[in-house]
Amino acid sequence: MEIVSKLKKLRKLNKVSQVKLARRIGVHSSYVSKVERGLYNPSLGVISAWCQALGCELNIILKELK
């Protein structure tokens, strides 16, 4: 999933650990790990929370996918 790779890259650029991100968005760190490894598909709500937690806007991420 291309959006997940962008979110993972954004997390790493912001130097936020999976644990810290998970706390910010209210999920378990293993969930973040599984999403990043392609084992789970996140809901739009999780993707939106992920973006907010890293200080980006969802519409910017979606525009980049075009």
PDB file of N, CA and C in Angstrom:
ATOM      1  N   MET A   1       0.846  -1.177   0.000  1.00  0.00           N
ATOM      2  CA  MET A   1       0.000   0.000   0.000  1.00  0.00           C
ATOM      3  C   MET A   1       0.889   1.237   0.000  1.00  0.00           C
ATOM      4  N   GLU A   2       0.769   2.021  -1.035  1.00  0.00           N
ATOM      5  CA  GLU A   2       1.646   3.174  -1.217  1.00  0.00           C
ATOM      6  C   GLU A   2       1.496   4.225  -0.112  1.00  0.00           C
ATOM      7  N   ILE A   3       0.286   4.423   0.362  1.00  0.00           N
ATOM      8  CA  ILE A   3       0.071   5.430   1.406  1.00  0.00           C
ATOM      9  C   ILE A   3       0.796   5.030   2.690  1.00  0.00           C
ATOM     10  N   VAL A   4       0.826   3.751   2.987  1.00  0.00           N
ATOM     11  CA  VAL A   4       1.504   3.274   4.189  1.00  0.00           C
ATOM     12  C   VAL A   4       3.001   3.540   4.100  1.00  0.00           C
ATOM     13  N   SER A   5       3.592   3.330   2.939  1.00  0.00           N
ATOM     14  CA  SER A   5       5.025   3.597   2.801  1.00  0.00           C
ATOM     15  C   SER A   5       5.315   5.085   2.987  1.00  0.00           C
ATOM     16  N   LYS A   6       4.409   5.940   2.538  1.00  0.00           N
ATOM     17  CA  LYS A   6       4.590   7.381   2.742  1.00  0.00           C
ATOM     18  C   LYS A   6       4.466   7.742   4.215  1.00  0.00           C
ATOM     19  N   LEU A   7       3.508   7.127   4.908  1.00  0.00           N
ATOM     20  CA  LEU A   7       3.335   7.395   6.334  1.00  0.00           C
ATOM     21  C   LEU A   7       4.530   6.890   7.143  1.00  0.00           C
ATOM     22  N   LYS A   8       5.063   5.745   6.762  1.00  0.00           N
ATOM     23  CA  LYS A   8       6.242   5.207   7.442  1.00  0.00           C
ATOM     24  C   LYS A   8       7.433   6.140   7.241  1.00  0.00           C
ATOM     25  N   LYS A   9       7.617   6.587   6.004  1.00  0.00           N
ATOM     26  CA  LYS A   9       8.711   7.503   5.691  1.00  0.00           C
ATOM     27  C   LYS A   9       8.561   8.801   6.489  1.00  0.00           C
ATOM     28  N   LEU A  10       7.348   9.303   6.572  1.00  0.00           N
ATOM     29  CA  LEU A  10       7.075  10.524   7.326  1.00  0.00           C
ATOM     30  C   LEU A  10       7.388  10.329   8.809  1.00  0.00           C
ATOM     31  N   ARG A  11       7.013   9.167   9.353  1.00  0.00           N
ATOM     32  CA  ARG A  11       7.308   8.875  10.759  1.00  0.00           C
ATOM     33  C   ARG A  11       8.809   8.884  10.998  1.00  0.00           C
ATOM     34  N   LYS A  12       9.550   8.250  10.101  1.00  0.00           N
ATOM     35  CA  LYS A  12      11.002   8.185  10.270  1.00  0.00           C
ATOM     36  C   LYS A  12      11.652   9.562  10.101  1.00  0.00           C
ATOM     37  N   LEU A  13      11.162  10.350   9.145  1.00  0.00           N
ATOM     38  CA  LEU A  13      11.703  11.697   8.948  1.00  0.00           C
ATOM     39  C   LEU A  13      11.501  12.572  10.181  1.00  0.00           C
ATOM     40  N   ASN A  14      10.390  12.347  10.869  1.00  0.00           N
ATOM     41  CA  ASN A  14      10.091  13.100  12.091  1.00  0.00           C
ATOM     42  C   ASN A  14      10.732  12.493  13.326  1.00  0.00           C
ATOM     43  N   LYS A  15      11.458  11.393  13.122  1.00  0.00           N
ATOM     44  CA  LYS A  15      12.165  10.701  14.210  1.00  0.00           C
ATOM     45  C   LYS A  15      11.225  10.326  15.355  1.00  0.00           C
ATOM     46  N   VAL A  16      10.079   9.766  14.966  1.00  0.00           N
ATOM     47  CA  VAL A  16       9.081   9.313  15.931  1.00  0.00           C
ATOM     48  C   VAL A  16       9.088   7.787  15.918  1.00  0.00           C
ATOM     49  N   SER A  17       9.239   7.193  17.076  1.00  0.00           N
ATOM     50  CA  SER A  17       9.244   5.725  17.149  1.00  0.00           C
ATOM     51  C   SER A  17       7.835   5.184  16.948  1.00  0.00           C
ATOM     52  N   GLN A  18       7.762   3.915  16.651  1.00  0.00           N
ATOM     53  CA  GLN A  18       6.452   3.276  16.510  1.00  0.00           C
ATOM     54  C   GLN A  18       5.674   3.349  17.827  1.00  0.00           C
ATOM     55  N   VAL A  19       6.364   3.207  18.931  1.00  0.00           N
ATOM     56  CA  VAL A  19       5.721   3.262  20.247  1.00  0.00           C
ATOM     57  C   VAL A  19       5.138   4.655  20.499  1.00  0.00           C
ATOM     58  N   LYS A  20       5.923   5.672  20.222  1.00  0.00           N
ATOM     59  CA  LYS A  20       5.466   7.045  20.431  1.00  0.00           C
ATOM     60  C   LYS A  20       4.278   7.374  19.521  1.00  0.00           C
ATOM     61  N   LEU A  21       4.368   6.951  18.265  1.00  0.00           N
ATOM     62  CA  LEU A  21       3.273   7.185  17.334  1.00  0.00           C
ATOM     63  C   LEU A  21       2.010   6.472  17.808  1.00  0.00           C
ATOM     64  N   ALA A  22       2.160   5.230  18.226  1.00  0.00           N
ATOM     65  CA  ALA A  22       1.010   4.454  18.695  1.00  0.00           C
ATOM     66  C   ALA A  22       0.322   5.152  19.859  1.00  0.00           C
ATOM     67  N   ARG A  23       1.100   5.679  20.787  1.00  0.00           N
ATOM     68  CA  ARG A  23       0.518   6.406  21.926  1.00  0.00           C
ATOM     69  C   ARG A  23      -0.240   7.641  21.456  1.00  0.00           C
ATOM     70  N   ARG A  24       0.323   8.338  20.490  1.00  0.00           N
ATOM     71  CA  ARG A  24      -0.319   9.556  19.983  1.00  0.00           C
ATOM     72  C   ARG A  24      -1.651   9.284  19.303  1.00  0.00           C
ATOM     73  N   ILE A  25      -1.754   8.141  18.624  1.00  0.00           N
ATOM     74  CA  ILE A  25      -2.986   7.877  17.867  1.00  0.00           C
ATOM     75  C   ILE A  25      -3.917   6.889  18.576  1.00  0.00           C
ATOM     76  N   GLY A  26      -3.493   6.395  19.732  1.00  0.00           N
ATOM     77  CA  GLY A  26      -4.369   5.546  20.534  1.00  0.00           C
ATOM     78  C   GLY A  26      -4.492   4.106  20.072  1.00  0.00           C
ATOM     79  N   VAL A  27      -3.399   3.565  19.549  1.00  0.00           N
ATOM     80  CA  VAL A  27      -3.377   2.157  19.157  1.00  0.00           C
ATOM     81  C   VAL A  27      -2.159   1.496  19.803  1.00  0.00           C
ATOM     82  N   HIS A  28      -2.066   0.199  19.701  1.00  0.00           N
ATOM     83  CA  HIS A  28      -0.919  -0.523  20.249  1.00  0.00           C
ATOM     84  C   HIS A  28       0.247  -0.432  19.264  1.00  0.00           C
ATOM     85  N   SER A  29       1.450  -0.429  19.782  1.00  0.00           N
ATOM     86  CA  SER A  29       2.633  -0.319  18.915  1.00  0.00           C
ATOM     87  C   SER A  29       2.742  -1.488  17.944  1.00  0.00           C
ATOM     88  N   SER A  30       2.248  -2.656  18.334  1.00  0.00           N
ATOM     89  CA  SER A  30       2.294  -3.797  17.419  1.00  0.00           C
ATOM     90  C   SER A  30       1.389  -3.554  16.213  1.00  0.00           C
ATOM     91  N   TYR A  31       0.321  -2.787  16.396  1.00  0.00           N
ATOM     92  CA  TYR A  31      -0.565  -2.454  15.280  1.00  0.00           C
ATOM     93  C   TYR A  31       0.187  -1.581  14.268  1.00  0.00           C
ATOM     94  N   VAL A  32       0.899  -0.574  14.762  1.00  0.00           N
ATOM     95  CA  VAL A  32       1.687   0.298  13.883  1.00  0.00           C
ATOM     96  C   VAL A  32       2.704  -0.538  13.115  1.00  0.00           C
ATOM     97  N   SER A  33       3.372  -1.434  13.803  1.00  0.00           N
ATOM     98  CA  SER A  33       4.360  -2.303  13.164  1.00  0.00           C
ATOM     99  C   SER A  33       3.722  -3.144  12.059  1.00  0.00           C
ATOM    100  N   LYS A  34       2.580  -3.722  12.348  1.00  0.00           N
ATOM    101  CA  LYS A  34       1.917  -4.581  11.368  1.00  0.00           C
ATOM    102  C   LYS A  34       1.403  -3.785  10.171  1.00  0.00           C
ATOM    103  N   VAL A  35       0.949  -2.573  10.415  1.00  0.00           N
ATOM    104  CA  VAL A  35       0.525  -1.720   9.304  1.00  0.00           C
ATOM    105  C   VAL A  35       1.729  -1.423   8.415  1.00  0.00           C
ATOM    106  N   GLU A  36       2.839  -1.032   9.021  1.00  0.00           N
ATOM    107  CA  GLU A  36       4.030  -0.686   8.247  1.00  0.00           C
ATOM    108  C   GLU A  36       4.608  -1.879   7.485  1.00  0.00           C
ATOM    109  N   ARG A  37       4.383  -3.081   7.988  1.00  0.00           N
ATOM    110  CA  ARG A  37       4.873  -4.279   7.300  1.00  0.00           C
ATOM    111  C   ARG A  37       3.865  -4.830   6.303  1.00  0.00           C
ATOM    112  N   GLY A  38       2.723  -4.177   6.181  1.00  0.00           N
ATOM    113  CA  GLY A  38       1.729  -4.595   5.208  1.00  0.00           C
ATOM    114  C   GLY A  38       0.838  -5.740   5.654  1.00  0.00           C
ATOM    115  N   LEU A  39       0.844  -6.045   6.949  1.00  0.00           N
ATOM    116  CA  LEU A  39       0.020  -7.133   7.462  1.00  0.00           C
ATOM    117  C   LEU A  39      -1.406  -6.675   7.765  1.00  0.00           C
ATOM    118  N   TYR A  40      -1.576  -5.403   8.094  1.00  0.00           N
ATOM    119  CA  TYR A  40      -2.888  -4.820   8.359  1.00  0.00           C
ATOM    120  C   TYR A  40      -3.107  -3.643   7.427  1.00  0.00           C
ATOM    121  N   ASN A  41      -4.354  -3.445   7.040  1.00  0.00           N
ATOM    122  CA  ASN A  41      -4.733  -2.258   6.283  1.00  0.00           C
ATOM    123  C   ASN A  41      -5.414  -1.289   7.242  1.00  0.00           C
ATOM    124  N   PRO A  42      -4.849  -0.108   7.426  1.00  0.00           N
ATOM    125  CA  PRO A  42      -5.436   0.840   8.374  1.00  0.00           C
ATOM    126  C   PRO A  42      -6.715   1.466   7.814  1.00  0.00           C
ATOM    127  N   SER A  43      -7.599   1.828   8.719  1.00  0.00           N
ATOM    128  CA  SER A  43      -8.815   2.531   8.310  1.00  0.00           C
ATOM    129  C   SER A  43      -8.446   3.974   7.971  1.00  0.00           C
ATOM    130  N   LEU A  44      -9.370   4.654   7.332  1.00  0.00           N
ATOM    131  CA  LEU A  44      -9.150   6.059   7.003  1.00  0.00           C
ATOM    132  C   LEU A  44      -8.982   6.884   8.272  1.00  0.00           C
ATOM    133  N   GLY A  45      -9.703   6.509   9.324  1.00  0.00           N
ATOM    134  CA  GLY A  45      -9.573   7.206  10.605  1.00  0.00           C
ATOM    135  C   GLY A  45      -8.178   7.087  11.187  1.00  0.00           C
ATOM    136  N   VAL A  46      -7.598   5.900  11.098  1.00  0.00           N
ATOM    137  CA  VAL A  46      -6.228   5.683  11.600  1.00  0.00           C
ATOM    138  C   VAL A  46      -5.240   6.459  10.743  1.00  0.00           C
ATOM    139  N   ILE A  47      -5.427   6.432   9.434  1.00  0.00           N
ATOM    140  CA  ILE A  47      -4.534   7.173   8.537  1.00  0.00           C
ATOM    141  C   ILE A  47      -4.600   8.660   8.855  1.00  0.00           C
ATOM    142  N   SER A  48      -5.789   9.167   9.078  1.00  0.00           N
ATOM    143  CA  SER A  48      -5.969  10.576   9.409  1.00  0.00           C
ATOM    144  C   SER A  48      -5.290  10.917  10.739  1.00  0.00           C
ATOM    145  N   ALA A  49      -5.488  10.069  11.757  1.00  0.00           N
ATOM    146  CA  ALA A  49      -4.860  10.288  13.063  1.00  0.00           C
ATOM    147  C   ALA A  49      -3.343  10.224  12.948  1.00  0.00           C
ATOM    148  N   TRP A  50      -2.840   9.319  12.126  1.00  0.00           N
ATOM    149  CA  TRP A  50      -1.403   9.151  11.892  1.00  0.00           C
ATOM    150  C   TRP A  50      -0.838  10.454  11.332  1.00  0.00           C
ATOM    151  N   CYS A  51      -1.523  10.993  10.332  1.00  0.00           N
ATOM    152  CA  CYS A  51      -1.077  12.252   9.730  1.00  0.00           C
ATOM    153  C   CYS A  51      -1.075  13.379  10.762  1.00  0.00           C
ATOM    154  N   GLN A  52      -2.156  13.484  11.517  1.00  0.00           N
ATOM    155  CA  GLN A  52      -2.244  14.533  12.540  1.00  0.00           C
ATOM    156  C   GLN A  52      -1.130  14.399  13.564  1.00  0.00           C
ATOM    157  N   ALA A  53      -0.851  13.177  13.980  1.00  0.00           N
ATOM    158  CA  ALA A  53       0.178  12.941  14.992  1.00  0.00           C
ATOM    159  C   ALA A  53       1.561  13.354  14.501  1.00  0.00           C
ATOM    160  N   LEU A  54       1.743  13.351  13.179  1.00  0.00           N
ATOM    161  CA  LEU A  54       3.046  13.711  12.613  1.00  0.00           C
ATOM    162  C   LEU A  54       3.057  15.120  12.021  1.00  0.00           C
ATOM    163  N   GLY A  55       1.952  15.837  12.208  1.00  0.00           N
ATOM    164  CA  GLY A  55       1.906  17.233  11.786  1.00  0.00           C
ATOM    165  C   GLY A  55       1.741  17.445  10.292  1.00  0.00           C
ATOM    166  N   CYS A  56       1.115  16.511   9.619  1.00  0.00           N
ATOM    167  CA  CYS A  56       0.862  16.705   8.196  1.00  0.00           C
ATOM    168  C   CYS A  56      -0.643  16.597   7.948  1.00  0.00           C
ATOM    169  N   GLU A  57      -1.053  17.012   6.788  1.00  0.00           N
ATOM    170  CA  GLU A  57      -2.466  16.943   6.455  1.00  0.00           C
ATOM    171  C   GLU A  57      -2.716  15.774   5.513  1.00  0.00           C
ATOM    172  N   LEU A  58      -3.814  15.091   5.756  1.00  0.00           N
ATOM    173  CA  LEU A  58      -4.157  13.920   4.960  1.00  0.00           C
ATOM    174  C   LEU A  58      -4.289  14.268   3.482  1.00  0.00           C
ATOM    175  N   ASN A  59      -4.866  15.404   3.177  1.00  0.00           N
ATOM    176  CA  ASN A  59      -5.057  15.764   1.763  1.00  0.00           C
ATOM    177  C   ASN A  59      -3.719  15.919   1.036  1.00  0.00           C
ATOM    178  N   ILE A  60      -2.685  16.332   1.729  1.00  0.00           N
ATOM    179  CA  ILE A  60      -1.356  16.463   1.098  1.00  0.00           C
ATOM    180  C   ILE A  60      -0.810  15.072   0.767  1.00  0.00           C
ATOM    181  N   ILE A  61      -0.954  14.126   1.688  1.00  0.00           N
ATOM    182  CA  ILE A  61      -0.508  12.760   1.442  1.00  0.00           C
ATOM    183  C   ILE A  61      -1.272  12.158   0.270  1.00  0.00           C
ATOM    184  N   LEU A  62      -2.572  12.365   0.224  1.00  0.00           N
ATOM    185  CA  LEU A  62      -3.384  11.804  -0.849  1.00  0.00           C
ATOM    186  C   LEU A  62      -3.056  12.425  -2.195  1.00  0.00           C
ATOM    187  N   LYS A  63      -2.771  13.728  -2.231  1.00  0.00           N
ATOM    188  CA  LYS A  63      -2.417  14.394  -3.487  1.00  0.00           C
ATOM    189  C   LYS A  63      -1.116  13.841  -4.054  1.00  0.00           C
ATOM    190  N   GLU A  64      -0.205  13.494  -3.172  1.00  0.00           N
ATOM    191  CA  GLU A  64       1.094  12.954  -3.606  1.00  0.00           C
ATOM    192  C   GLU A  64       0.958  11.589  -4.261  1.00  0.00           C
ATOM    193  N   LEU A  65      -0.141  10.898  -4.003  1.00  0.00           N
ATOM    194  CA  LEU A  65      -0.345   9.561  -4.560  1.00  0.00           C
ATOM    195  C   LEU A  65      -0.769   9.599  -6.023  1.00  0.00           C
ATOM    196  N   LYS A  66      -1.233  10.727  -6.483  1.00  0.00           N
ATOM    197  CA  LYS A  66      -1.718  10.841  -7.873  1.00  0.00           C
ATOM    198  C   LYS A  66      -0.580  10.819  -8.862  1.00  0.00           C
TER     199      LYS A  66
END
